């Protein structure tokens, strides 16, 4: 059975540049949609967070920012169905990523608060990238690579093609002008070959070697479906090629 490690932020806030706190956490669609797709395929999913703390849902993700009402109802219903799983995650420092066929990081602003600075997560990401085994990060989750550094201070992700929430998309949030930093900028600073779709808030997925990234919540289904196809058919045959 295919084993998936879901690494979710444990943050319940995003601290802005002026010191104010914006309630945050994980984005509903980015957990619910991939989890459902993987679960329906028969994959076994383990949820882990820093410290084993139950992750917090960003309530905005079930409001108008989360899409049409019908879609939001489906997402909420699915999250309700896995509530006990989310309420009792493993501690990130207690899991061995090598035991999993796929490591998947969903987003929300939470990763910008904790995973971007989490040494345990950073070491996991660096090791996973080097292993050639599938690694996926969605929307704001690529912020977590900022905690992955080589001994010389450079990023192991430098030179990889990646996407993540763009500056233009971030600035659609009324509070984003107070952001201490923007993800697109930091990824470029890390040496990533950043890519984004021509139209904001439309699905955009980038695959480079064993690294899979999705730009925004709207990329959740496309990213998960791509992983389902690649990991499900060829996990035992080595890492996929560059696309």
Protein backbone atom coordinates (compact mmCIF):
# COMPACT_ATOMS: atom_id res chain seq x y z
CA UNK A 1 0.00 0.00 0.00
CA UNK A 2 1.24 3.48 -0.89
CA UNK A 3 2.18 5.44 2.24
CA UNK A 4 1.79 9.24 2.35
CA UNK A 5 3.13 11.65 4.97
CA UNK A 6 1.01 14.81 5.22
CA UNK A 7 3.05 17.55 6.93
CA UNK A 8 0.69 20.29 8.11
CA UNK A 9 1.54 23.55 9.83
CA UNK A 10 0.71 23.74 13.53
CA UNK A 11 0.51 27.56 13.46
CA UNK A 12 -2.78 29.26 14.25
CA UNK A 13 -1.63 32.73 13.20
CA UNK A 14 0.45 34.78 10.82
CA UNK A 15 2.40 37.57 12.49
CA UNK A 16 2.43 40.62 10.26
CA UNK A 17 5.15 43.21 9.81
CA UNK A 18 3.54 45.70 12.18
CA UNK A 19 3.31 43.11 14.95
CA UNK A 20 -0.40 42.45 14.53
CA UNK A 21 -1.58 38.86 14.41
CA UNK A 22 -3.79 37.51 11.65
CA UNK A 23 -5.63 34.28 12.61
CA UNK A 24 -4.54 31.57 10.20
CA UNK A 25 -3.59 27.92 9.87
CA UNK A 26 -4.05 25.46 7.02
CA UNK A 27 -6.21 26.13 3.94
CA UNK A 28 -9.23 23.83 3.85
CA UNK A 29 -9.15 22.83 0.17
CA UNK A 30 -5.42 22.11 0.24
CA UNK A 31 -5.86 19.45 2.91
CA UNK A 32 -9.29 18.10 1.99
CA UNK A 33 -8.93 17.64 -1.78
CA UNK A 34 -5.55 15.83 -1.90
CA UNK A 35 -6.41 13.79 1.21
CA UNK A 36 -9.65 12.63 -0.40
CA UNK A 37 -8.00 11.79 -3.72
CA UNK A 38 -5.23 9.79 -2.05
CA UNK A 39 -7.60 8.09 0.39
CA UNK A 40 -10.02 7.05 -2.34
CA UNK A 41 -7.08 5.52 -4.19
CA UNK A 42 -6.45 3.32 -1.15
CA UNK A 43 -3.33 5.15 -0.01
CA UNK A 44 -2.57 5.22 3.70
CA UNK A 45 -2.07 8.74 5.06
CA UNK A 46 -0.19 9.80 8.19
CA UNK A 47 -0.64 13.38 9.38
CA UNK A 48 2.25 15.04 11.21
CA UNK A 49 2.77 18.54 12.59
CA UNK A 50 5.52 20.29 14.53
CA UNK A 51 5.19 19.11 18.11
CA UNK A 52 2.23 16.88 17.29
CA UNK A 53 -0.11 19.84 17.82
CA UNK A 54 -3.53 19.61 16.20
CA UNK A 55 -3.54 21.90 13.13
CA UNK A 56 -5.83 24.90 12.96
CA UNK A 57 -8.20 25.49 10.06
CA UNK A 58 -8.04 28.98 8.57
CA UNK A 59 -11.71 29.94 8.79
CA UNK A 60 -11.33 32.24 5.77
CA UNK A 61 -10.84 29.14 3.63
CA UNK A 62 -14.45 28.13 4.23
CA UNK A 63 -15.70 31.63 3.39
CA UNK A 64 -16.01 33.33 0.03
CA UNK A 65 -12.25 33.00 -0.53
CA UNK A 66 -12.72 29.24 -0.54
CA UNK A 67 -14.77 29.16 -3.73
CA UNK A 68 -18.41 28.51 -4.59
CA UNK A 69 -20.81 27.48 -1.79
CA UNK A 70 -21.21 23.92 -3.06
CA UNK A 71 -17.48 23.40 -3.17
CA UNK A 72 -17.05 24.81 0.32
CA UNK A 73 -19.74 22.48 1.67
CA UNK A 74 -18.00 19.47 0.14
CA UNK A 75 -14.64 20.53 1.56
CA UNK A 76 -16.08 21.10 5.05
CA UNK A 77 -17.91 17.78 4.98
CA UNK A 78 -14.72 15.95 4.10
CA UNK A 79 -12.71 17.72 6.80
CA UNK A 80 -15.43 16.79 9.29
CA UNK A 81 -15.08 13.17 8.22
CA UNK A 82 -11.35 13.13 9.03
CA UNK A 83 -11.62 15.30 12.14
CA UNK A 84 -10.26 12.60 14.45
CA UNK A 85 -7.21 12.12 12.22
CA UNK A 86 -6.45 15.83 12.17
CA UNK A 87 -7.00 16.12 15.92
CA UNK A 88 -4.31 13.55 16.72
CA UNK A 89 -1.32 14.08 14.42
CA UNK A 90 2.09 12.54 14.91
CA UNK A 91 4.92 14.78 16.05
CA UNK A 92 7.05 15.63 13.03
CA UNK A 93 10.28 14.74 14.82
CA UNK A 94 8.94 11.24 15.55
CA UNK A 95 8.36 10.15 11.94
CA UNK A 96 10.84 8.69 9.46
CA UNK A 97 10.13 10.19 6.06
CA UNK A 98 12.05 7.34 4.41
CA UNK A 99 9.17 5.03 5.28
CA UNK A 100 6.79 6.96 3.01
CA UNK A 101 6.30 6.81 -0.74
CA UNK A 102 5.23 10.45 -0.83
CA UNK A 103 5.76 13.47 1.42
CA UNK A 104 3.09 16.12 0.90
CA UNK A 105 2.92 19.63 2.40
CA UNK A 106 -0.41 21.51 2.08
CA UNK A 107 -0.43 25.26 2.57
CA UNK A 108 -2.26 28.16 4.11
CA UNK A 109 -0.44 31.04 5.79
CA UNK A 110 0.51 28.73 8.64
CA UNK A 111 3.77 27.50 7.03
CA UNK A 112 5.00 31.10 6.81
CA UNK A 113 4.74 31.27 10.61
CA UNK A 114 6.28 27.94 11.66
CA UNK A 115 7.55 25.59 8.92
CA UNK A 116 9.62 28.33 7.26
CA UNK A 117 11.77 28.30 10.41
CA UNK A 118 11.41 24.69 11.60
CA UNK A 119 14.75 22.88 11.65
CA UNK A 120 13.18 19.41 11.80
CA UNK A 121 11.08 20.10 8.73
CA UNK A 122 14.03 21.73 6.96
CA UNK A 123 16.22 18.67 7.50
CA UNK A 124 13.41 16.39 6.33
CA UNK A 125 12.95 18.41 3.15
CA UNK A 126 16.66 18.49 2.32
CA UNK A 127 16.99 14.75 2.87
CA UNK A 128 13.84 13.98 0.93
CA UNK A 129 14.89 16.07 -2.04
CA UNK A 130 18.28 14.33 -2.15
CA UNK A 131 16.67 10.89 -1.87
CA UNK A 132 14.92 11.16 -5.24
CA UNK A 133 11.61 10.10 -3.67
CA UNK A 134 8.49 12.17 -4.43
CA UNK A 135 8.08 15.41 -2.50
CA UNK A 136 5.16 17.82 -3.02
CA UNK A 137 4.41 21.30 -1.69
CA UNK A 138 1.26 23.31 -2.35
CA UNK A 139 0.55 27.07 -2.39
CA UNK A 140 2.22 28.63 0.70
CA UNK A 141 3.83 25.34 1.75
CA UNK A 142 7.00 25.99 -0.31
CA UNK A 143 7.81 28.50 2.45
CA UNK A 144 9.02 25.43 4.35
CA UNK A 145 12.04 25.08 2.05
CA UNK A 146 13.44 28.26 3.60
CA UNK A 147 14.37 26.17 6.66
CA UNK A 148 16.39 23.76 4.49
CA UNK A 149 20.00 24.86 4.13
CA UNK A 150 23.32 23.32 3.25
CA UNK A 151 26.41 23.72 5.45
CA UNK A 152 27.48 26.68 3.31
CA UNK A 153 24.14 28.41 3.84
CA UNK A 154 22.79 27.82 0.35
CA UNK A 155 19.48 26.13 -0.39
CA UNK A 156 19.37 22.53 -1.65
CA UNK A 157 16.39 23.68 -3.73
CA UNK A 158 18.44 26.23 -5.66
CA UNK A 159 18.23 25.52 -9.38
CA UNK A 160 14.95 23.58 -9.08
CA UNK A 161 11.90 24.74 -10.98
CA UNK A 162 9.10 25.45 -8.50
CA UNK A 163 5.89 27.35 -8.07
CA UNK A 164 4.01 28.69 -5.07
CA UNK A 165 1.57 31.48 -4.35
CA UNK A 166 2.57 34.46 -6.45
CA UNK A 167 3.01 38.02 -5.21
CA UNK A 168 0.05 39.10 -7.30
CA UNK A 169 -2.17 36.44 -5.72
CA UNK A 170 -0.95 37.21 -2.22
CA UNK A 171 -1.67 40.90 -2.63
CA UNK A 172 -5.32 40.09 -3.30
CA UNK A 173 -5.52 39.62 0.50
CA UNK A 174 -6.28 42.95 2.18
CA UNK A 175 -3.73 42.31 4.95
CA UNK A 176 -0.91 41.17 2.64
CA UNK A 177 0.61 44.66 2.39
CA UNK A 178 1.63 44.12 6.02
CA UNK A 179 3.33 40.81 5.22
CA UNK A 180 6.90 40.57 6.55
CA UNK A 181 7.83 38.89 3.27
CA UNK A 182 6.20 37.41 0.18
CA UNK A 183 6.70 33.81 -0.87
CA UNK A 184 7.56 34.43 -4.52
CA UNK A 185 10.33 36.83 -3.49
CA UNK A 186 11.84 34.44 -0.96
CA UNK A 187 11.81 31.50 -3.35
CA UNK A 188 13.68 33.55 -5.92
CA UNK A 189 16.14 34.70 -3.24
CA UNK A 190 16.79 31.03 -2.43
CA UNK A 191 17.85 30.40 -6.02
CA UNK A 192 14.66 28.66 -7.12
CA UNK A 193 13.65 28.96 -10.77
CA UNK A 194 10.21 30.30 -9.91
CA UNK A 195 7.29 29.70 -12.28
CA UNK A 196 3.71 30.94 -12.20
CA UNK A 197 0.67 30.64 -14.41
CA UNK A 198 -0.34 33.42 -16.76
CA UNK A 199 -3.67 33.92 -14.99
CA UNK A 200 -3.87 34.29 -11.19
CA UNK A 201 -5.92 31.80 -9.17
CA UNK A 202 -5.89 29.18 -11.91
CA UNK A 203 -4.29 25.73 -11.54
CA UNK A 204 -0.56 25.63 -12.20
CA UNK A 205 1.64 22.64 -11.36
CA UNK A 206 5.39 22.31 -11.84
CA UNK A 207 7.33 19.05 -11.76
CA UNK A 208 11.13 18.99 -11.65
CA UNK A 209 12.71 15.62 -11.00
CA UNK A 210 11.15 14.32 -7.76
CA UNK A 211 9.83 17.74 -6.72
CA UNK A 212 6.15 18.59 -7.31
CA UNK A 213 4.68 22.01 -6.55
CA UNK A 214 1.27 23.66 -6.99
CA UNK A 215 0.80 27.41 -7.16
CA UNK A 216 -2.46 28.03 -5.28
CA UNK A 217 -5.49 26.33 -3.70
CA UNK A 218 -7.00 25.94 -7.16
CA UNK A 219 -4.05 23.66 -7.99
CA UNK A 220 -4.96 21.15 -5.26
CA UNK A 221 -6.82 18.70 -7.48
CA UNK A 222 -4.39 18.92 -10.40
CA UNK A 223 -1.36 18.42 -8.17
CA UNK A 224 -2.91 15.48 -6.32
CA UNK A 225 -4.05 13.86 -9.57
CA UNK A 226 -0.56 14.19 -11.04
CA UNK A 227 0.92 12.58 -7.93
CA UNK A 228 -1.66 9.83 -8.06
CA UNK A 229 -0.66 9.04 -11.63
CA UNK A 230 3.10 9.24 -11.11
CA UNK A 231 3.52 7.78 -7.64
CA UNK A 232 0.84 5.17 -8.11
CA UNK A 233 2.36 3.85 -11.34
CA UNK A 234 6.09 4.29 -10.91
CA UNK A 235 7.11 4.80 -7.27
CA UNK A 236 9.10 1.59 -7.39
CA UNK A 237 10.77 2.47 -10.68
CA UNK A 238 12.73 5.47 -9.42
CA UNK A 239 12.07 9.23 -9.61
CA UNK A 240 10.17 10.71 -12.54
CA UNK A 241 11.98 12.77 -15.13
CA UNK A 242 11.90 16.49 -15.60
CA UNK A 243 8.69 17.87 -17.16
